[in-house]
């Protein structure tokens, strides 16, 4: 009988600990996984548990989420473009045509070949 009571108390404690996650899931929040992660990782601190609870119960506006999504998308785009440009710049020095010191030489060779084709 004692094991049943201990099991019920343990189950109750786990359900109380995960209450913010259960509330976020019941309210069908899009960020329920994030609430759950905060609850699991920081819930052992009383502040983390209350923060997850407030977050789970806080109403979410579509306008704020759309604005956040656009900012995140722009940030990802900016980082991706910067990475592509950096990679292109690092490769440009190894390609003779894009090497700034060799551009005049390549231009002269191209100009000479154009003159020969016209003749």
PDB file of N, CA and C in Angstrom:
ATOM      1  N   UNK A   1       0.819  -1.193   0.000  1.00  0.00           N
ATOM      2  CA  UNK A   1       0.000   0.000   0.000  1.00  0.00           C
ATOM      3  C   UNK A   1       0.866   1.262   0.000  1.00  0.00           C
ATOM      4  N   UNK A   2       1.985   1.193   0.720  1.00  0.00           N
ATOM      5  CA  UNK A   2       2.873   2.344   0.810  1.00  0.00           C
ATOM      6  C   UNK A   2       3.492   2.675  -0.553  1.00  0.00           C
ATOM      7  N   UNK A   3       3.807   1.643  -1.342  1.00  0.00           N
ATOM      8  CA  UNK A   3       4.386   1.874  -2.665  1.00  0.00           C
ATOM      9  C   UNK A   3       3.395   2.573  -3.583  1.00  0.00           C
ATOM     10  N   UNK A   4       2.113   2.276  -3.441  1.00  0.00           N
ATOM     11  CA  UNK A   4       1.093   2.931  -4.259  1.00  0.00           C
ATOM     12  C   UNK A   4       1.009   4.410  -3.894  1.00  0.00           C
ATOM     13  N   UNK A   5       1.057   4.718  -2.618  1.00  0.00           N
ATOM     14  CA  UNK A   5       1.010   6.107  -2.173  1.00  0.00           C
ATOM     15  C   UNK A   5       2.261   6.852  -2.638  1.00  0.00           C
ATOM     16  N   UNK A   6       3.429   6.198  -2.497  1.00  0.00           N
ATOM     17  CA  UNK A   6       4.671   6.826  -2.966  1.00  0.00           C
ATOM     18  C   UNK A   6       4.617   7.066  -4.463  1.00  0.00           C
ATOM     19  N   UNK A   7       4.096   6.121  -5.221  1.00  0.00           N
ATOM     20  CA  UNK A   7       3.965   6.284  -6.669  1.00  0.00           C
ATOM     21  C   UNK A   7       3.023   7.411  -7.025  1.00  0.00           C
ATOM     22  N   UNK A   8       1.903   7.529  -6.310  1.00  0.00           N
ATOM     23  CA  UNK A   8       0.940   8.600  -6.563  1.00  0.00           C
ATOM     24  C   UNK A   8       1.538   9.963  -6.233  1.00  0.00           C
ATOM     25  N   UNK A   9       2.289  10.043  -5.127  1.00  0.00           N
ATOM     26  CA  UNK A   9       2.937  11.301  -4.752  1.00  0.00           C
ATOM     27  C   UNK A   9       3.994  11.677  -5.787  1.00  0.00           C
ATOM     28  N   UNK A  10       4.776  10.707  -6.232  1.00  0.00           N
ATOM     29  CA  UNK A  10       5.789  10.975  -7.255  1.00  0.00           C
ATOM     30  C   UNK A  10       5.138  11.446  -8.547  1.00  0.00           C
ATOM     31  N   UNK A  11       4.076  10.776  -8.983  1.00  0.00           N
ATOM     32  CA  UNK A  11       3.364  11.174 -10.200  1.00  0.00           C
ATOM     33  C   UNK A  11       2.775  12.574 -10.060  1.00  0.00           C
ATOM     34  N   UNK A  12       2.232  12.886  -8.895  1.00  0.00           N
ATOM     35  CA  UNK A  12       1.699  14.222  -8.648  1.00  0.00           C
ATOM     36  C   UNK A  12       2.784  15.280  -8.694  1.00  0.00           C
ATOM     37  N   UNK A  13       3.952  14.974  -8.129  1.00  0.00           N
ATOM     38  CA  UNK A  13       5.069  15.920  -8.139  1.00  0.00           C
ATOM     39  C   UNK A  13       5.560  16.165  -9.561  1.00  0.00           C
ATOM     40  N   UNK A  14       5.643  15.108 -10.366  1.00  0.00           N
ATOM     41  CA  UNK A  14       6.075  15.262 -11.764  1.00  0.00           C
ATOM     42  C   UNK A  14       5.053  16.089 -12.540  1.00  0.00           C
ATOM     43  N   UNK A  15       3.764  15.844 -12.317  1.00  0.00           N
ATOM     44  CA  UNK A  15       2.732  16.608 -13.013  1.00  0.00           C
ATOM     45  C   UNK A  15       2.756  18.078 -12.581  1.00  0.00           C
ATOM     46  N   UNK A  16       3.015  18.345 -11.307  1.00  0.00           N
ATOM     47  CA  UNK A  16       3.120  19.725 -10.846  1.00  0.00           C
ATOM     48  C   UNK A  16       4.346  20.394 -11.454  1.00  0.00           C
ATOM     49  N   UNK A  17       5.461  19.650 -11.518  1.00  0.00           N
ATOM     50  CA  UNK A  17       6.686  20.193 -12.111  1.00  0.00           C
ATOM     51  C   UNK A  17       6.479  20.519 -13.583  1.00  0.00           C
ATOM     52  N   UNK A  18       5.751  19.683 -14.298  1.00  0.00           N
ATOM     53  CA  UNK A  18       5.526  19.880 -15.734  1.00  0.00           C
ATOM     54  C   UNK A  18       4.235  20.635 -16.034  1.00  0.00           C
ATOM     55  N   UNK A  19       3.622  21.246 -15.037  1.00  0.00           N
ATOM     56  CA  UNK A  19       2.371  21.983 -15.246  1.00  0.00           C
ATOM     57  C   UNK A  19       2.488  23.060 -16.321  1.00  0.00           C
ATOM     58  N   UNK A  20       3.558  23.873 -16.378  1.00  0.00           N
ATOM     59  CA  UNK A  20       3.650  24.862 -17.461  1.00  0.00           C
ATOM     60  C   UNK A  20       3.661  24.221 -18.850  1.00  0.00           C
ATOM     61  N   UNK A  21       4.325  23.105 -18.987  1.00  0.00           N
ATOM     62  CA  UNK A  21       4.359  22.413 -20.281  1.00  0.00           C
ATOM     63  C   UNK A  21       2.984  21.874 -20.640  1.00  0.00           C
ATOM     64  N   UNK A  22       2.288  21.328 -19.657  1.00  0.00           N
ATOM     65  CA  UNK A  22       0.951  20.793 -19.903  1.00  0.00           C
ATOM     66  C   UNK A  22      -0.008  21.917 -20.282  1.00  0.00           C
ATOM     67  N   UNK A  23       0.105  23.052 -19.613  1.00  0.00           N
ATOM     68  CA  UNK A  23      -0.752  24.200 -19.928  1.00  0.00           C
ATOM     69  C   UNK A  23      -0.465  24.719 -21.328  1.00  0.00           C
ATOM     70  N   UNK A  24       0.814  24.837 -21.686  1.00  0.00           N
ATOM     71  CA  UNK A  24       1.173  25.322 -23.032  1.00  0.00           C
ATOM     72  C   UNK A  24       0.646  24.376 -24.106  1.00  0.00           C
ATOM     73  N   UNK A  25       0.723  23.081 -23.862  1.00  0.00           N
ATOM     74  CA  UNK A  25       0.223  22.113 -24.833  1.00  0.00           C
ATOM     75  C   UNK A  25      -1.302  22.151 -24.914  1.00  0.00           C
ATOM     76  N   UNK A  26      -1.966  22.320 -23.772  1.00  0.00           N
ATOM     77  CA  UNK A  26      -3.429  22.369 -23.759  1.00  0.00           C
ATOM     78  C   UNK A  26      -3.945  23.622 -24.467  1.00  0.00           C
ATOM     79  N   UNK A  27      -3.179  24.714 -24.392  1.00  0.00           N
ATOM     80  CA  UNK A  27      -3.586  25.951 -25.069  1.00  0.00           C
ATOM     81  C   UNK A  27      -3.153  25.970 -26.531  1.00  0.00           C
ATOM     82  N   UNK A  28      -2.514  24.887 -26.992  1.00  0.00           N
ATOM     83  CA  UNK A  28      -2.062  24.716 -28.370  1.00  0.00           C
ATOM     84  C   UNK A  28      -1.169  25.868 -28.833  1.00  0.00           C
ATOM     85  N   UNK A  29      -0.226  26.206 -27.974  1.00  0.00           N
ATOM     86  CA  UNK A  29       0.734  27.251 -28.332  1.00  0.00           C
ATOM     87  C   UNK A  29       1.731  26.699 -29.348  1.00  0.00           C
ATOM     88  N   UNK A  30       2.135  27.554 -30.279  1.00  0.00           N
ATOM     89  CA  UNK A  30       3.102  27.130 -31.293  1.00  0.00           C
ATOM     90  C   UNK A  30       4.482  26.931 -30.683  1.00  0.00           C
ATOM     91  N   UNK A  31       4.761  27.630 -29.602  1.00  0.00           N
ATOM     92  CA  UNK A  31       6.065  27.522 -28.957  1.00  0.00           C
ATOM     93  C   UNK A  31       6.007  26.649 -27.707  1.00  0.00           C
ATOM     94  N   UNK A  32       5.135  25.658 -27.716  1.00  0.00           N
ATOM     95  CA  UNK A  32       4.991  24.765 -26.560  1.00  0.00           C
ATOM     96  C   UNK A  32       6.282  23.995 -26.297  1.00  0.00           C
ATOM     97  N   UNK A  33       7.006  23.651 -27.347  1.00  0.00           N
ATOM     98  CA  UNK A  33       8.268  22.930 -27.164  1.00  0.00           C
ATOM     99  C   UNK A  33       9.284  23.800 -26.427  1.00  0.00           C
ATOM    100  N   UNK A  34       9.337  25.085 -26.781  1.00  0.00           N
ATOM    101  CA  UNK A  34      10.262  25.992 -26.103  1.00  0.00           C
ATOM    102  C   UNK A  34       9.882  26.151 -24.634  1.00  0.00           C
ATOM    103  N   UNK A  35       8.589  26.246 -24.362  1.00  0.00           N
ATOM    104  CA  UNK A  35       8.137  26.334 -22.966  1.00  0.00           C
ATOM    105  C   UNK A  35       8.544  25.073 -22.218  1.00  0.00           C
ATOM    106  N   UNK A  36       8.392  23.926 -22.860  1.00  0.00           N
ATOM    107  CA  UNK A  36       8.760  22.661 -22.233  1.00  0.00           C
ATOM    108  C   UNK A  36      10.263  22.609 -21.942  1.00  0.00           C
ATOM    109  N   UNK A  37      11.085  23.077 -22.878  1.00  0.00           N
ATOM    110  CA  UNK A  37      12.534  23.068 -22.660  1.00  0.00           C
ATOM    111  C   UNK A  37      12.924  23.978 -21.501  1.00  0.00           C
ATOM    112  N   UNK A  38      12.315  25.159 -21.440  1.00  0.00           N
ATOM    113  CA  UNK A  38      12.602  26.064 -20.326  1.00  0.00           C
ATOM    114  C   UNK A  38      12.146  25.416 -19.020  1.00  0.00           C
ATOM    115  N   UNK A  39      10.984  24.787 -19.062  1.00  0.00           N
ATOM    116  CA  UNK A  39      10.451  24.144 -17.869  1.00  0.00           C
ATOM    117  C   UNK A  39      11.362  23.011 -17.397  1.00  0.00           C
ATOM    118  N   UNK A  40      11.818  22.184 -18.308  1.00  0.00           N
ATOM    119  CA  UNK A  40      12.657  21.043 -17.930  1.00  0.00           C
ATOM    120  C   UNK A  40      14.048  21.497 -17.484  1.00  0.00           C
ATOM    121  N   UNK A  41      14.654  22.413 -18.251  1.00  0.00           N
ATOM    122  CA  UNK A  41      16.031  22.803 -17.961  1.00  0.00           C
ATOM    123  C   UNK A  41      16.159  23.799 -16.812  1.00  0.00           C
ATOM    124  N   UNK A  42      15.195  24.716 -16.700  1.00  0.00           N
ATOM    125  CA  UNK A  42      15.299  25.742 -15.663  1.00  0.00           C
ATOM    126  C   UNK A  42      14.216  25.643 -14.598  1.00  0.00           C
ATOM    127  N   UNK A  43      13.357  24.651 -14.726  1.00  0.00           N
ATOM    128  CA  UNK A  43      12.254  24.524 -13.780  1.00  0.00           C
ATOM    129  C   UNK A  43      12.690  24.185 -12.373  1.00  0.00           C
ATOM    130  N   UNK A  44      13.860  23.579 -12.214  1.00  0.00           N
ATOM    131  CA  UNK A  44      14.334  23.234 -10.882  1.00  0.00           C
ATOM    132  C   UNK A  44      14.614  24.485 -10.062  1.00  0.00           C
ATOM    133  N   UNK A  45      14.888  25.604 -10.757  1.00  0.00           N
ATOM    134  CA  UNK A  45      14.954  26.875 -10.041  1.00  0.00           C
ATOM    135  C   UNK A  45      13.520  27.379  -9.969  1.00  0.00           C
ATOM    136  N   UNK A  46      13.148  27.896  -8.902  1.00  0.00           N
ATOM    137  CA  UNK A  46      11.766  28.354  -8.741  1.00  0.00           C
ATOM    138  C   UNK A  46      11.456  29.453  -9.747  1.00  0.00           C
ATOM    139  N   UNK A  47      12.418  30.314 -10.015  1.00  0.00           N
ATOM    140  CA  UNK A  47      12.223  31.399 -10.981  1.00  0.00           C
ATOM    141  C   UNK A  47      11.976  30.837 -12.373  1.00  0.00           C
ATOM    142  N   UNK A  48      12.733  29.813 -12.784  1.00  0.00           N
ATOM    143  CA  UNK A  48      12.544  29.195 -14.092  1.00  0.00           C
ATOM    144  C   UNK A  48      11.173  28.563 -14.232  1.00  0.00           C
ATOM    145  N   UNK A  49      10.693  27.936 -13.164  1.00  0.00           N
ATOM    146  CA  UNK A  49       9.374  27.309 -13.209  1.00  0.00           C
ATOM    147  C   UNK A  49       8.288  28.370 -13.357  1.00  0.00           C
ATOM    148  N   UNK A  50       8.389  29.460 -12.581  1.00  0.00           N
ATOM    149  CA  UNK A  50       7.398  30.534 -12.689  1.00  0.00           C
ATOM    150  C   UNK A  50       7.476  31.236 -14.043  1.00  0.00           C
ATOM    151  N   UNK A  51       8.687  31.396 -14.577  1.00  0.00           N
ATOM    152  CA  UNK A  51       8.830  32.006 -15.902  1.00  0.00           C
ATOM    153  C   UNK A  51       8.146  31.139 -16.958  1.00  0.00           C
ATOM    154  N   UNK A  52       8.330  29.833 -16.891  1.00  0.00           N
ATOM    155  CA  UNK A  52       7.676  28.928 -17.841  1.00  0.00           C
ATOM    156  C   UNK A  52       6.160  28.967 -17.664  1.00  0.00           C
ATOM    157  N   UNK A  53       5.703  29.072 -16.436  1.00  0.00           N
ATOM    158  CA  UNK A  53       4.265  29.140 -16.183  1.00  0.00           C
ATOM    159  C   UNK A  53       3.662  30.417 -16.753  1.00  0.00           C
ATOM    160  N   UNK A  54       4.311  31.540 -16.518  1.00  0.00           N
ATOM    161  CA  UNK A  54       3.816  32.812 -17.058  1.00  0.00           C
ATOM    162  C   UNK A  54       3.843  32.776 -18.574  1.00  0.00           C
ATOM    163  N   UNK A  55       4.909  32.232 -19.148  1.00  0.00           N
ATOM    164  CA  UNK A  55       5.024  32.138 -20.601  1.00  0.00           C
ATOM    165  C   UNK A  55       3.920  31.261 -21.178  1.00  0.00           C
ATOM    166  N   UNK A  56       3.614  30.164 -20.521  1.00  0.00           N
ATOM    167  CA  UNK A  56       2.582  29.257 -21.009  1.00  0.00           C
ATOM    168  C   UNK A  56       1.198  29.890 -20.936  1.00  0.00           C
ATOM    169  N   UNK A  57       0.967  30.717 -19.926  1.00  0.00           N
ATOM    170  CA  UNK A  57      -0.354  31.315 -19.752  1.00  0.00           C
ATOM    171  C   UNK A  57      -0.517  32.632 -20.494  1.00  0.00           C
ATOM    172  N   UNK A  58       0.572  33.249 -20.913  1.00  0.00           N
ATOM    173  CA  UNK A  58       0.528  34.547 -21.582  1.00  0.00           C
ATOM    174  C   UNK A  58      -0.088  34.408 -22.972  1.00  0.00           C
ATOM    175  N   UNK A  59      -1.057  35.274 -23.297  1.00  0.00           N
ATOM    176  CA  UNK A  59      -1.633  35.202 -24.647  1.00  0.00           C
ATOM    177  C   UNK A  59      -0.619  35.677 -25.679  1.00  0.00           C
ATOM    178  N   UNK A  60      -0.652  35.060 -26.816  1.00  0.00           N
ATOM    179  CA  UNK A  60       0.300  35.386 -27.874  1.00  0.00           C
ATOM    180  C   UNK A  60      -0.438  36.091 -28.997  1.00  0.00           C
ATOM    181  N   UNK A  61       0.152  37.147 -29.505  1.00  0.00           N
ATOM    182  CA  UNK A  61      -0.490  37.860 -30.603  1.00  0.00           C
ATOM    183  C   UNK A  61       0.168  37.450 -31.916  1.00  0.00           C
ATOM    184  N   UNK A  62      -0.627  37.324 -32.942  1.00  0.00           N
ATOM    185  CA  UNK A  62      -0.105  36.924 -34.244  1.00  0.00           C
ATOM    186  C   UNK A  62       0.821  37.980 -34.816  1.00  0.00           C
ATOM    187  N   UNK A  63       0.512  39.244 -34.569  1.00  0.00           N
ATOM    188  CA  UNK A  63       1.326  40.322 -35.123  1.00  0.00           C
ATOM    189  C   UNK A  63       2.745  40.276 -34.575  1.00  0.00           C
ATOM    190  N   UNK A  64       2.881  40.048 -33.265  1.00  0.00           N
ATOM    191  CA  UNK A  64       4.208  39.970 -32.673  1.00  0.00           C
ATOM    192  C   UNK A  64       4.975  38.767 -33.194  1.00  0.00           C
ATOM    193  N   UNK A  65       4.281  37.654 -33.373  1.00  0.00           N
ATOM    194  CA  UNK A  65       4.954  36.457 -33.881  1.00  0.00           C
ATOM    195  C   UNK A  65       5.397  36.658 -35.335  1.00  0.00           C
ATOM    196  N   UNK A  66       4.560  37.291 -36.138  1.00  0.00           N
ATOM    197  CA  UNK A  66       4.935  37.541 -37.534  1.00  0.00           C
ATOM    198  C   UNK A  66       6.140  38.470 -37.597  1.00  0.00           C
ATOM    199  N   UNK A  67       6.140  39.498 -36.755  1.00  0.00           N
ATOM    200  CA  UNK A  67       7.263  40.431 -36.723  1.00  0.00           C
ATOM    201  C   UNK A  67       8.543  39.716 -36.297  1.00  0.00           C
ATOM    202  N   UNK A  68       8.442  38.873 -35.284  1.00  0.00           N
ATOM    203  CA  UNK A  68       9.595  38.111 -34.828  1.00  0.00           C
ATOM    204  C   UNK A  68      10.088  37.161 -35.916  1.00  0.00           C
ATOM    205  N   UNK A  69       9.149  36.499 -36.610  1.00  0.00           N
ATOM    206  CA  UNK A  69       9.535  35.565 -37.667  1.00  0.00           C
ATOM    207  C   UNK A  69      10.243  36.291 -38.807  1.00  0.00           C
ATOM    208  N   UNK A  70       9.759  37.474 -39.169  1.00  0.00           N
ATOM    209  CA  UNK A  70      10.409  38.243 -40.239  1.00  0.00           C
ATOM    210  C   UNK A  70      11.811  38.672 -39.826  1.00  0.00           C
ATOM    211  N   UNK A  71      11.959  39.115 -38.585  1.00  0.00           N
ATOM    212  CA  UNK A  71      13.288  39.518 -38.122  1.00  0.00           C
ATOM    213  C   UNK A  71      14.245  38.340 -38.097  1.00  0.00           C
ATOM    214  N   UNK A  72      13.759  37.198 -37.664  1.00  0.00           N
ATOM    215  CA  UNK A  72      14.610  36.004 -37.629  1.00  0.00           C
ATOM    216  C   UNK A  72      15.001  35.580 -39.038  1.00  0.00           C
ATOM    217  N   UNK A  73      14.050  35.650 -39.964  1.00  0.00           N
ATOM    218  CA  UNK A  73      14.336  35.267 -41.346  1.00  0.00           C
ATOM    219  C   UNK A  73      15.359  36.224 -41.962  1.00  0.00           C
ATOM    220  N   UNK A  74      15.218  37.514 -41.694  1.00  0.00           N
ATOM    221  CA  UNK A  74      16.188  38.482 -42.209  1.00  0.00           C
ATOM    222  C   UNK A  74      17.575  38.242 -41.629  1.00  0.00           C
ATOM    223  N   UNK A  75      17.634  37.919 -40.351  1.00  0.00           N
ATOM    224  CA  UNK A  75      18.929  37.667 -39.720  1.00  0.00           C
ATOM    225  C   UNK A  75      19.601  36.437 -40.325  1.00  0.00           C
ATOM    226  N   UNK A  76      18.831  35.399 -40.546  1.00  0.00           N
ATOM    227  CA  UNK A  76      19.380  34.181 -41.155  1.00  0.00           C
ATOM    228  C   UNK A  76      19.847  34.471 -42.576  1.00  0.00           C
ATOM    229  N   UNK A  77      19.050  35.243 -43.307  1.00  0.00           N
ATOM    230  CA  UNK A  77      19.423  35.601 -44.680  1.00  0.00           C
ATOM    231  C   UNK A  77      20.723  36.402 -44.691  1.00  0.00           C
ATOM    232  N   UNK A  78      20.829  37.365 -43.779  1.00  0.00           N
ATOM    233  CA  UNK A  78      22.022  38.204 -43.712  1.00  0.00           C
ATOM    234  C   UNK A  78      23.257  37.361 -43.410  1.00  0.00           C
ATOM    235  N   UNK A  79      23.146  36.448 -42.483  1.00  0.00           N
ATOM    236  CA  UNK A  79      24.287  35.586 -42.129  1.00  0.00           C
ATOM    237  C   UNK A  79      24.656  34.688 -43.300  1.00  0.00           C
ATOM    238  N   UNK A  80      23.650  34.154 -43.997  1.00  0.00           N
ATOM    239  CA  UNK A  80      23.916  33.286 -45.143  1.00  0.00           C
ATOM    240  C   UNK A  80      24.623  34.050 -46.255  1.00  0.00           C
ATOM    241  N   UNK A  81      24.141  35.244 -46.562  1.00  0.00           N
ATOM    242  CA  UNK A  81      24.758  36.046 -47.620  1.00  0.00           C
ATOM    243  C   UNK A  81      26.187  36.414 -47.237  1.00  0.00           C
ATOM    244  N   UNK A  82      26.403  36.788 -45.982  1.00  0.00           N
ATOM    245  CA  UNK A  82      27.764  37.117 -45.540  1.00  0.00           C
ATOM    246  C   UNK A  82      28.695  35.914 -45.676  1.00  0.00           C
ATOM    247  N   UNK A  83      28.194  34.733 -45.367  1.00  0.00           N
ATOM    248  CA  UNK A  83      29.020  33.532 -45.495  1.00  0.00           C
ATOM    249  C   UNK A  83      29.350  33.247 -46.952  1.00  0.00           C
ATOM    250  N   UNK A  84      28.365  33.427 -47.838  1.00  0.00           N
ATOM    251  CA  UNK A  84      28.602  33.203 -49.271  1.00  0.00           C
ATOM    252  C   UNK A  84      29.618  34.199 -49.807  1.00  0.00           C
ATOM    253  N   UNK A  85      29.484  35.465 -49.429  1.00  0.00           N
ATOM    254  CA  UNK A  85      30.424  36.497 -49.896  1.00  0.00           C
ATOM    255  C   UNK A  85      31.825  36.219 -49.364  1.00  0.00           C
ATOM    256  N   UNK A  86      31.942  35.841 -48.109  1.00  0.00           N
ATOM    257  CA  UNK A  86      33.258  35.548 -47.543  1.00  0.00           C
ATOM    258  C   UNK A  86      33.912  34.369 -48.255  1.00  0.00           C
ATOM    259  N   UNK A  87      33.110  33.358 -48.549  1.00  0.00           N
ATOM    260  CA  UNK A  87      33.671  32.206 -49.257  1.00  0.00           C
ATOM    261  C   UNK A  87      34.090  32.575 -50.675  1.00  0.00           C
ATOM    262  N   UNK A  88      33.275  33.398 -51.340  1.00  0.00           N
ATOM    263  CA  UNK A  88      33.627  33.826 -52.692  1.00  0.00           C
ATOM    264  C   UNK A  88      34.890  34.678 -52.680  1.00  0.00           C
ATOM    265  N   UNK A  89      35.026  35.547 -51.688  1.00  0.00           N
ATOM    266  CA  UNK A  89      36.230  36.376 -51.602  1.00  0.00           C
ATOM    267  C   UNK A  89      37.470  35.537 -51.319  1.00  0.00           C
ATOM    268  N   UNK A  90      37.326  34.509 -50.528  1.00  0.00           N
ATOM    269  CA  UNK A  90      38.488  33.669 -50.241  1.00  0.00           C
ATOM    270  C   UNK A  90      38.890  32.847 -51.458  1.00  0.00           C
ATOM    271  N   UNK A  91      37.923  32.488 -52.268  1.00  0.00           N
ATOM    272  CA  UNK A  91      38.236  31.732 -53.487  1.00  0.00           C
ATOM    273  C   UNK A  91      38.695  32.636 -54.619  1.00  0.00           C
ATOM    274  N   UNK A  92      38.337  33.909 -54.582  1.00  0.00           N
ATOM    275  CA  UNK A  92      38.656  34.819 -55.679  1.00  0.00           C
ATOM    276  C   UNK A  92      40.160  34.980 -55.849  1.00  0.00           C
ATOM    277  N   UNK A  93      40.899  34.941 -54.775  1.00  0.00           N
ATOM    278  CA  UNK A  93      42.342  35.126 -54.892  1.00  0.00           C
ATOM    279  C   UNK A  93      43.017  33.921 -55.541  1.00  0.00           C
ATOM    280  N   UNK A  94      42.375  32.762 -55.513  1.00  0.00           N
ATOM    281  CA  UNK A  94      42.986  31.585 -56.118  1.00  0.00           C
ATOM    282  C   UNK A  94      42.666  31.460 -57.603  1.00  0.00           C
ATOM    283  N   UNK A  95      41.676  32.194 -58.086  1.00  0.00           N
ATOM    284  CA  UNK A  95      41.317  32.165 -59.508  1.00  0.00           C
ATOM    285  C   UNK A  95      42.022  33.345 -60.178  1.00  0.00           C
ATOM    286  N   UNK A  96      42.881  33.104 -61.170  1.00  0.00           N
ATOM    287  CA  UNK A  96      43.658  34.200 -61.757  1.00  0.00           C
ATOM    288  C   UNK A  96      42.792  35.307 -62.356  1.00  0.00           C
ATOM    289  N   UNK A  97      41.653  34.957 -62.906  1.00  0.00           N
ATOM    290  CA  UNK A  97      40.830  35.961 -63.550  1.00  0.00           C
ATOM    291  C   UNK A  97      40.308  36.986 -62.540  1.00  0.00           C
ATOM    292  N   UNK A  98      40.104  36.577 -61.298  1.00  0.00           N
ATOM    293  CA  UNK A  98      39.575  37.487 -60.288  1.00  0.00           C
ATOM    294  C   UNK A  98      40.652  38.077 -59.393  1.00  0.00           C
ATOM    295  N   UNK A  99      41.894  37.660 -59.594  1.00  0.00           N
ATOM    296  CA  UNK A  99      42.981  38.211 -58.809  1.00  0.00           C
ATOM    297  C   UNK A  99      43.210  39.652 -59.262  1.00  0.00           C
ATOM    298  N   UNK A 100      43.124  40.640 -58.360  1.00  0.00           N
ATOM    299  CA  UNK A 100      43.228  42.048 -58.771  1.00  0.00           C
ATOM    300  C   UNK A 100      44.534  42.381 -59.473  1.00  0.00           C
ATOM    301  N   UNK A 101      45.626  41.694 -59.132  1.00  0.00           N
ATOM    302  CA  UNK A 101      46.901  41.994 -59.786  1.00  0.00           C
ATOM    303  C   UNK A 101      46.948  41.463 -61.213  1.00  0.00           C
ATOM    304  N   UNK A 102      46.171  40.411 -61.488  1.00  0.00           N
ATOM    305  CA  UNK A 102      46.219  39.808 -62.808  1.00  0.00           C
ATOM    306  C   UNK A 102      45.113  40.295 -63.749  1.00  0.00           C
ATOM    307  N   UNK A 103      44.200  41.095 -63.259  1.00  0.00           N
ATOM    308  CA  UNK A 103      43.094  41.561 -64.108  1.00  0.00           C
ATOM    309  C   UNK A 103      43.605  42.355 -65.298  1.00  0.00           C
ATOM    310  N   UNK A 104      44.546  43.287 -65.143  1.00  0.00           N
ATOM    311  CA  UNK A 104      45.032  44.001 -66.333  1.00  0.00           C
ATOM    312  C   UNK A 104      45.677  43.060 -67.357  1.00  0.00           C
ATOM    313  N   UNK A 105      46.378  42.051 -66.900  1.00  0.00           N
ATOM    314  CA  UNK A 105      47.010  41.100 -67.815  1.00  0.00           C
ATOM    315  C   UNK A 105      45.957  40.313 -68.567  1.00  0.00           C
ATOM    316  N   UNK A 106      44.948  39.835 -67.860  1.00  0.00           N
ATOM    317  CA  UNK A 106      43.874  39.079 -68.500  1.00  0.00           C
ATOM    318  C   UNK A 106      43.113  39.959 -69.474  1.00  0.00           C
ATOM    319  N   UNK A 107      42.908  41.231 -69.117  1.00  0.00           N
ATOM    320  CA  UNK A 107      42.209  42.161 -70.017  1.00  0.00           C
ATOM    321  C   UNK A 107      43.011  42.383 -71.286  1.00  0.00           C
ATOM    322  N   UNK A 108      44.349  42.518 -71.155  1.00  0.00           N
ATOM    323  CA  UNK A 108      45.179  42.697 -72.359  1.00  0.00           C
ATOM    324  C   UNK A 108      45.148  41.466 -73.245  1.00  0.00           C
ATOM    325  N   UNK A 109      45.199  40.289 -72.645  1.00  0.00           N
ATOM    326  CA  UNK A 109      45.145  39.051 -73.430  1.00  0.00           C
ATOM    327  C   UNK A 109      43.818  38.958 -74.161  1.00  0.00           C
ATOM    328  N   UNK A 110      42.727  39.294 -73.469  1.00  0.00           N
ATOM    329  CA  UNK A 110      41.406  39.248 -74.101  1.00  0.00           C
ATOM    330  C   UNK A 110      41.310  40.268 -75.223  1.00  0.00           C
ATOM    331  N   UNK A 111      41.869  41.455 -75.011  1.00  0.00           N
ATOM    332  CA  UNK A 111      41.820  42.489 -76.052  1.00  0.00           C
ATOM    333  C   UNK A 111      42.633  42.048 -77.266  1.00  0.00           C
ATOM    334  N   UNK A 112      43.794  41.452 -77.069  1.00  0.00           N
ATOM    335  CA  UNK A 112      44.620  40.967 -78.170  1.00  0.00           C
ATOM    336  C   UNK A 112      43.919  39.856 -78.934  1.00  0.00           C
ATOM    337  N   UNK A 113      43.253  38.963 -78.235  1.00  0.00           N
ATOM    338  CA  UNK A 113      42.558  37.878 -78.932  1.00  0.00           C
ATOM    339  C   UNK A 113      41.374  38.409 -79.713  1.00  0.00           C
ATOM    340  N   UNK A 114      40.727  39.474 -79.235  1.00  0.00           N
ATOM    341  CA  UNK A 114      39.628  40.074 -80.001  1.00  0.00           C
ATOM    342  C   UNK A 114      40.132  40.732 -81.276  1.00  0.00           C
ATOM    343  N   UNK A 115      41.280  41.380 -81.204  1.00  0.00           N
ATOM    344  CA  UNK A 115      41.864  42.040 -82.393  1.00  0.00           C
ATOM    345  C   UNK A 115      42.236  40.975 -83.435  1.00  0.00           C
ATOM    346  N   UNK A 116      42.803  39.874 -82.987  1.00  0.00           N
ATOM    347  CA  UNK A 116      43.213  38.826 -83.918  1.00  0.00           C
ATOM    348  C   UNK A 116      42.008  38.187 -84.615  1.00  0.00           C
ATOM    349  N   UNK A 117      40.896  38.052 -83.863  1.00  0.00           N
ATOM    350  CA  UNK A 117      39.704  37.466 -84.453  1.00  0.00           C
ATOM    351  C   UNK A 117      39.105  38.379 -85.517  1.00  0.00           C
ATOM    352  N   UNK A 118      39.211  39.690 -85.337  1.00  0.00           N
ATOM    353  CA  UNK A 118      38.665  40.626 -86.298  1.00  0.00           C
ATOM    354  C   UNK A 118      39.481  40.650 -87.596  1.00  0.00           C
ATOM    355  N   UNK A 119      40.755  40.415 -87.492  1.00  0.00           N
ATOM    356  CA  UNK A 119      41.620  40.426 -88.676  1.00  0.00           C
ATOM    357  C   UNK A 119      41.391  39.190 -89.449  1.00  0.00           C
TER     358      UNK A 119
END
